[in-house]
Amino acid sequence: MNDTAKFSAVVRGWEHRFGARGVAVGFSTLHLGVASPPADEHEALLVAAEHFAFCPDNMWQGNRPYTLAAYAERITGVHHGTSGGTDPLSGRRSPGKWP
């Protein structure tokens, strides 16, 4: 199943709301730069739920504890991130920030 249109719509929403821009695409990764990330816990929790729906690996393969609240704390104020796969700069799994 080709979900490119759905993925594009989600990323476009992040672009409009947070100034997210694609900066690199890998085989199984999408790297975003984020101009205005969630600044408070409530907004970050809502975005964390979106990230989980978009790419659950960001939470399951990120840092413990594997909860939306912990993930939300990690993305608050973060201006970059990786979705899925391995970070090409460090060779490590994504820490679970901005898909």
C-alpha atoms as a PDB file:
ATOM      1  CA  MET A   1       0.000   0.000   0.000  1.00  0.00           C
ATOM      2  CA  ASN A   2       1.362   3.433  -0.963  1.00  0.00           C
ATOM      3  CA  ASP A   3       0.805   5.941   1.847  1.00  0.00           C
ATOM      4  CA  THR A   4       2.905   8.747   0.375  1.00  0.00           C
ATOM      5  CA  ALA A   5      -0.049  11.156   0.227  1.00  0.00           C
ATOM      6  CA  LYS A   6      -0.918  10.464   3.878  1.00  0.00           C
ATOM      7  CA  PHE A   7       2.690  10.935   5.018  1.00  0.00           C
ATOM      8  CA  SER A   8       2.953  14.110   2.984  1.00  0.00           C
ATOM      9  CA  ALA A   9      -0.224  15.502   4.562  1.00  0.00           C
ATOM     10  CA  VAL A  10       1.081  14.836   8.081  1.00  0.00           C
ATOM     11  CA  VAL A  11       4.450  16.453   7.385  1.00  0.00           C
ATOM     12  CA  ARG A  12       2.715  19.400   5.688  1.00  0.00           C
ATOM     13  CA  GLY A  13       0.669  19.895   8.863  1.00  0.00           C
ATOM     14  CA  TRP A  14       3.882  19.995  10.917  1.00  0.00           C
ATOM     15  CA  GLU A  15       5.327  22.433   8.398  1.00  0.00           C
ATOM     16  CA  HIS A  16       2.389  24.821   8.850  1.00  0.00           C
ATOM     17  CA  ARG A  17       2.196  24.494  12.636  1.00  0.00           C
ATOM     18  CA  PHE A  18       5.873  24.218  13.611  1.00  0.00           C
ATOM     19  CA  GLY A  19       7.905  25.315  10.605  1.00  0.00           C
ATOM     20  CA  ALA A  20       9.116  21.736  10.056  1.00  0.00           C
ATOM     21  CA  ARG A  21      11.136  21.215   6.887  1.00  0.00           C
ATOM     22  CA  GLY A  22      12.577  18.049   5.432  1.00  0.00           C
ATOM     23  CA  VAL A  23      16.362  18.283   5.481  1.00  0.00           C
ATOM     24  CA  ALA A  24      17.284  14.715   4.509  1.00  0.00           C
ATOM     25  CA  VAL A  25      15.626  11.468   3.465  1.00  0.00           C
ATOM     26  CA  GLY A  26      17.216   8.055   3.809  1.00  0.00           C
ATOM     27  CA  PHE A  27      16.115   4.522   3.014  1.00  0.00           C
ATOM     28  CA  SER A  28      14.037   4.317   6.208  1.00  0.00           C
ATOM     29  CA  THR A  29      14.482   7.777   7.726  1.00  0.00           C
ATOM     30  CA  LEU A  30      13.104  11.273   7.425  1.00  0.00           C
ATOM     31  CA  HIS A  31      15.103  14.109   9.002  1.00  0.00           C
ATOM     32  CA  LEU A  32      13.286  17.344   9.842  1.00  0.00           C
ATOM     33  CA  GLY A  33      14.458  20.760  10.908  1.00  0.00           C
ATOM     34  CA  VAL A  34      11.862  22.420  13.166  1.00  0.00           C
ATOM     35  CA  ALA A  35      11.705  26.223  13.468  1.00  0.00           C
ATOM     36  CA  SER A  36       9.132  26.397  16.299  1.00  0.00           C
ATOM     37  CA  PRO A  37       8.899  23.104  18.214  1.00  0.00           C
ATOM     38  CA  PRO A  38       6.316  22.581  20.968  1.00  0.00           C
ATOM     39  CA  ALA A  39       7.279  24.920  23.791  1.00  0.00           C
ATOM     40  CA  ASP A  40       5.153  23.529  26.602  1.00  0.00           C
ATOM     41  CA  GLU A  41       4.245  20.140  28.025  1.00  0.00           C
ATOM     42  CA  HIS A  42       0.616  20.151  26.866  1.00  0.00           C
ATOM     43  CA  GLU A  43       1.411  20.955  23.234  1.00  0.00           C
ATOM     44  CA  ALA A  44       4.295  18.474  23.241  1.00  0.00           C
ATOM     45  CA  LEU A  45       2.014  15.709  24.530  1.00  0.00           C
ATOM     46  CA  LEU A  46      -0.397  16.281  21.642  1.00  0.00           C
ATOM     47  CA  VAL A  47       2.480  16.215  19.151  1.00  0.00           C
ATOM     48  CA  ALA A  48       3.902  13.086  20.817  1.00  0.00           C
ATOM     49  CA  ALA A  49       0.621  11.302  20.065  1.00  0.00           C
ATOM     50  CA  GLU A  50       0.889  12.394  16.421  1.00  0.00           C
ATOM     51  CA  HIS A  51       4.481  11.172  16.247  1.00  0.00           C
ATOM     52  CA  PHE A  52       3.464   7.824  17.719  1.00  0.00           C
ATOM     53  CA  ALA A  53       0.703   7.428  15.117  1.00  0.00           C
ATOM     54  CA  PHE A  54       3.113   8.458  12.336  1.00  0.00           C
ATOM     55  CA  CYS A  55       6.118   6.371  13.397  1.00  0.00           C
ATOM     56  CA  PRO A  56       5.783   4.324  16.607  1.00  0.00           C
ATOM     57  CA  ASP A  57       9.454   3.274  16.304  1.00  0.00           C
ATOM     58  CA  ASN A  58      10.407   6.769  17.504  1.00  0.00           C
ATOM     59  CA  MET A  59       9.029   5.857  20.898  1.00  0.00           C
ATOM     60  CA  TRP A  60       9.529   2.074  21.029  1.00  0.00           C
ATOM     61  CA  GLN A  61      13.127   2.250  19.816  1.00  0.00           C
ATOM     62  CA  GLY A  62      14.003   5.498  21.570  1.00  0.00           C
ATOM     63  CA  ASN A  63      14.932   6.123  25.169  1.00  0.00           C
ATOM     64  CA  ARG A  64      13.125   4.616  28.148  1.00  0.00           C
ATOM     65  CA  PRO A  65      10.561   5.008  29.561  1.00  0.00           C
ATOM     66  CA  TYR A  66       8.397   4.256  26.539  1.00  0.00           C
ATOM     67  CA  THR A  67       5.497   6.562  27.416  1.00  0.00           C
ATOM     68  CA  LEU A  68       3.918   9.461  25.560  1.00  0.00           C
ATOM     69  CA  ALA A  69       4.685  11.746  28.500  1.00  0.00           C
ATOM     70  CA  ALA A  70       8.401  10.861  28.488  1.00  0.00           C
ATOM     71  CA  TYR A  71       8.570  11.227  24.710  1.00  0.00           C
ATOM     72  CA  ALA A  72       6.780  14.600  24.930  1.00  0.00           C
ATOM     73  CA  GLU A  73       9.370  15.781  27.426  1.00  0.00           C
ATOM     74  CA  ARG A  74      12.153  14.785  25.021  1.00  0.00           C
ATOM     75  CA  ILE A  75      10.681  16.737  22.058  1.00  0.00           C
ATOM     76  CA  THR A  76       9.836  19.948  23.924  1.00  0.00           C
ATOM     77  CA  GLY A  77      11.972  22.704  22.424  1.00  0.00           C
ATOM     78  CA  VAL A  78      13.854  20.340  20.055  1.00  0.00           C
ATOM     79  CA  HIS A  79      14.661  21.822  16.632  1.00  0.00           C
ATOM     80  CA  HIS A  80      15.695  18.633  14.776  1.00  0.00           C
ATOM     81  CA  GLY A  81      14.888  14.979  14.628  1.00  0.00           C
ATOM     82  CA  THR A  82      14.890  11.666  12.837  1.00  0.00           C
ATOM     83  CA  SER A  83      12.049   9.326  12.058  1.00  0.00           C
ATOM     84  CA  GLY A  84      12.920   5.645  12.023  1.00  0.00           C
ATOM     85  CA  GLY A  85      16.182   3.994  11.091  1.00  0.00           C
ATOM     86  CA  THR A  86      19.676   5.069  12.055  1.00  0.00           C
ATOM     87  CA  ASP A  87      21.017   8.605  12.324  1.00  0.00           C
ATOM     88  CA  PRO A  88      23.498   8.914   9.438  1.00  0.00           C
ATOM     89  CA  LEU A  89      25.755  11.294  11.355  1.00  0.00           C
ATOM     90  CA  SER A  90      26.202   9.254  14.514  1.00  0.00           C
ATOM     91  CA  GLY A  91      25.303   5.763  13.283  1.00  0.00           C
ATOM     92  CA  ARG A  92      22.982   5.385  16.310  1.00  0.00           C
ATOM     93  CA  ARG A  93      19.249   4.809  16.474  1.00  0.00           C
ATOM     94  CA  SER A  94      17.162   7.942  16.628  1.00  0.00           C
ATOM     95  CA  PRO A  95      16.729   9.172  20.207  1.00  0.00           C
ATOM     96  CA  GLY A  96      13.024   9.621  19.617  1.00  0.00           C
ATOM     97  CA  LYS A  97      12.777  13.244  18.611  1.00  0.00           C
ATOM     98  CA  TRP A  98      10.724  14.852  15.874  1.00  0.00           C
ATOM     99  CA  PRO A  99      10.001  12.251  13.239  1.00  0.00           C
END
